[in-house]
Amino acid sequence: MKTYLTWLYGVLMIVAGINHFVKPHFYKAFIPGWLPLLPVNYITGAVEVALGACLLIPVFRHYGALGLLLLMIIFLPLHTLDVFKENPAIGSKLLAYIRLPLQFVLIWWAWSIWRNH
């Protein structure tokens, strides 16, 4: 996979991870009620930042891609369930329908990076 696409994914994940700290309330609806809200949100944000940074460092790229692949697979059921909610966590049914196939793109993207590094 082209290096610039790897960098793009890394930067996107770093920005998404930072957003967990800047706008923690946005993620409240995504986190199952039986989990502690803020710790899960902040840990997820830190993991996203760390894995995104790993994509930017060639020696860690393979591990960062594998971590993102696993993380995106873990997130898949949450986004799948969101499609079926009356009031999706992402904000609207349309956004939930867009987000679900995007999750598969993110899984494929991480897998492609992992496979090629």
Protein backbone atom coordinates (compact mmCIF):
# COMPACT_ATOMS: atom_id res chain seq x y z
CA MET A 1 0.00 0.00 0.00
CA LYS A 2 1.24 3.45 -0.78
CA THR A 3 3.00 5.21 2.08
CA TYR A 4 0.80 8.30 1.84
CA LEU A 5 -2.33 6.18 2.41
CA THR A 6 -0.68 4.64 5.45
CA TRP A 7 0.17 8.11 6.74
CA LEU A 8 -3.39 9.27 6.04
CA TYR A 9 -4.81 6.41 8.09
CA GLY A 10 -2.34 7.13 10.89
CA VAL A 11 -3.22 10.82 11.00
CA LEU A 12 -6.96 10.05 10.86
CA MET A 13 -6.63 7.71 13.83
CA ILE A 14 -4.57 10.23 15.81
CA VAL A 15 -7.20 12.92 15.18
CA ALA A 16 -10.02 10.50 16.07
CA GLY A 17 -8.18 9.52 19.25
CA ILE A 18 -7.62 13.12 20.29
CA ASN A 19 -11.32 13.77 19.71
CA HIS A 20 -12.07 11.28 22.53
CA PHE A 21 -10.38 13.74 24.91
CA VAL A 22 -11.75 16.92 23.35
CA LYS A 23 -15.39 15.77 22.98
CA PRO A 24 -15.88 12.81 25.33
CA HIS A 25 -19.67 13.36 25.42
CA PHE A 26 -19.89 12.44 21.71
CA TYR A 27 -18.84 8.85 22.47
CA LYS A 28 -21.22 8.32 25.40
CA ALA A 29 -23.93 6.68 23.28
CA PHE A 30 -21.43 4.26 21.69
CA ILE A 31 -20.15 2.84 24.99
CA PRO A 32 -22.31 0.07 26.44
CA GLY A 33 -23.93 1.07 29.73
CA TRP A 34 -22.24 -1.72 31.70
CA LEU A 35 -18.79 -0.25 31.00
CA PRO A 36 -17.34 2.74 32.90
CA LEU A 37 -17.92 5.62 30.50
CA LEU A 38 -14.96 7.97 30.90
CA PRO A 39 -12.22 5.36 31.46
CA VAL A 40 -13.34 3.39 28.39
CA ASN A 41 -13.57 6.57 26.32
CA TYR A 42 -10.13 7.83 27.34
CA ILE A 43 -8.47 4.42 26.98
CA THR A 44 -9.98 4.03 23.51
CA GLY A 45 -8.75 7.49 22.55
CA ALA A 46 -5.24 6.75 23.83
CA VAL A 47 -5.17 3.44 21.96
CA GLU A 48 -6.28 5.13 18.73
CA VAL A 49 -3.57 7.80 19.11
CA ALA A 50 -0.90 5.20 19.88
CA LEU A 51 -1.84 2.90 16.99
CA GLY A 52 -2.13 5.83 14.60
CA ALA A 53 1.34 7.00 15.65
CA CYS A 54 2.68 3.48 15.10
CA LEU A 55 1.58 3.71 11.45
CA LEU A 56 3.79 6.78 11.06
CA ILE A 57 6.91 5.02 12.33
CA PRO A 58 8.13 2.37 9.87
CA VAL A 59 9.60 0.04 12.51
CA PHE A 60 6.22 -0.09 14.34
CA ARG A 61 3.96 0.07 11.28
CA HIS A 62 3.25 -3.67 11.11
CA TYR A 63 2.18 -3.77 14.77
CA GLY A 64 0.14 -0.59 14.49
CA ALA A 65 -1.73 -1.96 11.49
CA LEU A 66 -2.42 -5.24 13.28
CA GLY A 67 -3.67 -3.33 16.33
CA LEU A 68 -5.94 -1.17 14.18
CA LEU A 69 -7.23 -4.23 12.36
CA LEU A 70 -8.21 -5.81 15.67
CA LEU A 71 -9.65 -2.55 17.02
CA MET A 72 -11.79 -2.00 13.94
CA ILE A 73 -13.07 -5.59 14.18
CA ILE A 74 -13.91 -5.01 17.86
CA PHE A 75 -15.82 -1.83 16.92
CA LEU A 76 -17.79 -3.58 14.15
CA PRO A 77 -20.55 -5.01 16.40
CA LEU A 78 -21.10 -1.58 18.00
CA HIS A 79 -21.60 0.04 14.60
CA THR A 80 -23.77 -2.85 13.42
CA LEU A 81 -26.04 -2.53 16.46
CA ASP A 82 -26.20 1.23 15.91
CA VAL A 83 -27.89 0.70 12.53
CA PHE A 84 -30.79 -1.06 14.25
CA LYS A 85 -31.34 1.51 17.03
CA GLU A 86 -34.29 3.85 16.82
CA ASN A 87 -31.93 6.72 17.68
CA PRO A 88 -28.44 5.74 16.49
CA ALA A 89 -25.51 6.88 18.60
CA ILE A 90 -23.87 8.44 15.57
CA GLY A 91 -26.77 10.88 15.24
CA SER A 92 -29.08 9.65 12.49
CA LYS A 93 -30.10 6.53 10.60
CA LEU A 94 -28.40 7.90 7.48
CA LEU A 95 -25.10 8.36 9.28
CA ALA A 96 -25.41 4.89 10.81
CA TYR A 97 -25.97 3.41 7.34
CA ILE A 98 -22.93 5.26 6.03
CA ARG A 99 -20.77 4.38 9.05
CA LEU A 100 -21.30 0.62 8.83
CA PRO A 101 -19.77 0.09 5.36
CA LEU A 102 -17.06 2.59 6.30
CA GLN A 103 -16.11 0.23 9.14
CA PHE A 104 -15.43 -2.50 6.58
CA VAL A 105 -13.25 -0.06 4.62
CA LEU A 106 -11.26 0.70 7.77
CA ILE A 107 -10.86 -3.04 8.46
CA TRP A 108 -9.68 -3.67 4.90
CA TRP A 109 -7.35 -0.65 5.02
CA ALA A 110 -5.68 -1.82 8.24
CA TRP A 111 -5.40 -5.36 6.87
CA SER A 112 -3.81 -4.06 3.66
CA ILE A 113 -1.21 -2.09 5.59
CA TRP A 114 -0.51 -5.04 7.91
CA ARG A 115 -0.16 -7.46 4.98
CA ASN A 116 2.26 -5.20 3.11
CA HIS A 117 4.55 -4.25 6.02
